[in-house]
N, C-alpha and C. Protein backbone atom coordinates (compact mmCIF):
# COMPACT_ATOMS: atom_id res chain seq x y z
N MET A 1 -4.50 5.60 -0.23
CA MET A 1 -3.41 6.36 -0.77
C MET A 1 -3.25 5.95 -2.22
N LEU A 2 -2.85 6.90 -3.04
CA LEU A 2 -2.49 6.62 -4.43
C LEU A 2 -1.02 6.92 -4.62
N SER A 3 -0.36 6.09 -5.43
CA SER A 3 1.05 6.32 -5.71
C SER A 3 1.36 5.95 -7.15
N THR A 4 2.42 6.56 -7.66
CA THR A 4 2.90 6.22 -9.00
C THR A 4 4.29 5.62 -8.95
N ASP A 5 4.81 5.44 -7.75
CA ASP A 5 6.14 4.86 -7.54
C ASP A 5 6.01 3.34 -7.45
N PRO A 6 6.61 2.57 -8.37
CA PRO A 6 6.49 1.11 -8.32
C PRO A 6 7.02 0.51 -7.01
N GLY A 7 7.96 1.15 -6.38
CA GLY A 7 8.51 0.66 -5.12
C GLY A 7 7.57 0.83 -3.94
N ALA A 8 6.53 1.61 -4.12
CA ALA A 8 5.59 1.86 -3.02
C ALA A 8 4.83 0.60 -2.61
N VAL A 9 4.67 -0.34 -3.53
CA VAL A 9 3.97 -1.60 -3.19
C VAL A 9 4.71 -2.27 -2.04
N ARG A 10 5.99 -2.45 -2.18
CA ARG A 10 6.80 -3.07 -1.11
C ARG A 10 6.84 -2.17 0.13
N ASP A 11 6.93 -0.87 -0.08
CA ASP A 11 6.99 0.06 1.05
C ASP A 11 5.73 -0.02 1.91
N PHE A 12 4.55 -0.06 1.28
CA PHE A 12 3.31 -0.14 2.05
C PHE A 12 3.17 -1.48 2.75
N GLU A 13 3.64 -2.56 2.13
CA GLU A 13 3.62 -3.87 2.79
C GLU A 13 4.47 -3.83 4.05
N ALA A 14 5.67 -3.27 3.95
CA ALA A 14 6.57 -3.15 5.10
C ALA A 14 5.98 -2.23 6.17
N PHE A 15 5.41 -1.12 5.75
CA PHE A 15 4.80 -0.17 6.69
C PHE A 15 3.70 -0.86 7.49
N ALA A 16 2.85 -1.63 6.81
CA ALA A 16 1.75 -2.31 7.50
C ALA A 16 2.30 -3.31 8.53
N ARG A 17 3.31 -4.07 8.14
CA ARG A 17 3.92 -5.04 9.09
C ARG A 17 4.51 -4.33 10.30
N GLN A 18 5.23 -3.26 10.07
CA GLN A 18 5.93 -2.58 11.16
C GLN A 18 5.00 -1.85 12.10
N THR A 19 3.87 -1.37 11.60
CA THR A 19 2.96 -0.58 12.43
C THR A 19 1.79 -1.36 12.97
N GLY A 20 1.59 -2.60 12.48
CA GLY A 20 0.46 -3.40 12.93
C GLY A 20 -0.84 -3.05 12.24
N ASN A 21 -0.79 -2.16 11.25
CA ASN A 21 -1.98 -1.84 10.48
C ASN A 21 -2.20 -2.93 9.44
N GLU A 22 -3.44 -3.05 8.97
CA GLU A 22 -3.78 -4.08 8.00
C GLU A 22 -3.74 -3.50 6.59
N LEU A 23 -2.99 -4.13 5.72
CA LEU A 23 -2.98 -3.77 4.31
C LEU A 23 -4.12 -4.54 3.67
N VAL A 24 -5.21 -3.87 3.40
CA VAL A 24 -6.43 -4.52 2.94
C VAL A 24 -6.33 -4.89 1.47
N GLU A 25 -5.80 -3.96 0.66
CA GLU A 25 -5.79 -4.20 -0.78
C GLU A 25 -4.80 -3.26 -1.47
N GLN A 26 -4.21 -3.75 -2.53
CA GLN A 26 -3.38 -2.94 -3.42
C GLN A 26 -3.79 -3.29 -4.85
N THR A 27 -4.20 -2.29 -5.59
CA THR A 27 -4.59 -2.53 -6.98
C THR A 27 -3.89 -1.52 -7.87
N THR A 28 -3.47 -1.99 -9.03
CA THR A 28 -2.75 -1.14 -9.97
C THR A 28 -3.55 -1.02 -11.25
N GLU A 29 -3.65 0.23 -11.70
CA GLU A 29 -4.29 0.52 -12.98
C GLU A 29 -3.38 1.51 -13.71
N GLY A 30 -2.85 1.08 -14.84
CA GLY A 30 -1.88 1.92 -15.53
C GLY A 30 -0.63 2.03 -14.68
N ASN A 31 -0.21 3.26 -14.40
CA ASN A 31 0.99 3.46 -13.57
C ASN A 31 0.64 3.94 -12.16
N THR A 32 -0.64 3.82 -11.78
CA THR A 32 -1.08 4.27 -10.46
C THR A 32 -1.54 3.08 -9.64
N THR A 33 -1.06 3.02 -8.40
CA THR A 33 -1.45 1.96 -7.49
C THR A 33 -2.23 2.56 -6.33
N ALA A 34 -3.36 1.93 -6.00
CA ALA A 34 -4.16 2.32 -4.84
C ALA A 34 -3.81 1.39 -3.69
N HIS A 35 -3.53 1.96 -2.54
CA HIS A 35 -3.17 1.21 -1.34
C HIS A 35 -4.26 1.48 -0.31
N ILE A 36 -4.92 0.43 0.15
CA ILE A 36 -5.98 0.58 1.13
C ILE A 36 -5.53 -0.08 2.43
N LEU A 37 -5.45 0.73 3.47
CA LEU A 37 -5.01 0.24 4.78
C LEU A 37 -6.11 0.47 5.80
N ARG A 38 -6.12 -0.40 6.81
CA ARG A 38 -7.04 -0.24 7.94
C ARG A 38 -6.19 -0.03 9.18
N ARG A 39 -6.46 1.08 9.85
CA ARG A 39 -5.71 1.38 11.08
C ARG A 39 -6.09 0.41 12.17
N ARG A 40 -5.12 0.11 13.01
CA ARG A 40 -5.40 -0.81 14.13
C ARG A 40 -6.03 -0.09 15.27
């Protein structure tokens, strides 16, 4: 997923914890953050 919302970093961390999915990586370039998750 790509996002431009700075709050999405925390949101994806919480989403991964709540759903049991693995948050593999989050990288930011400019104002865009890539969120990589692995489904359980």
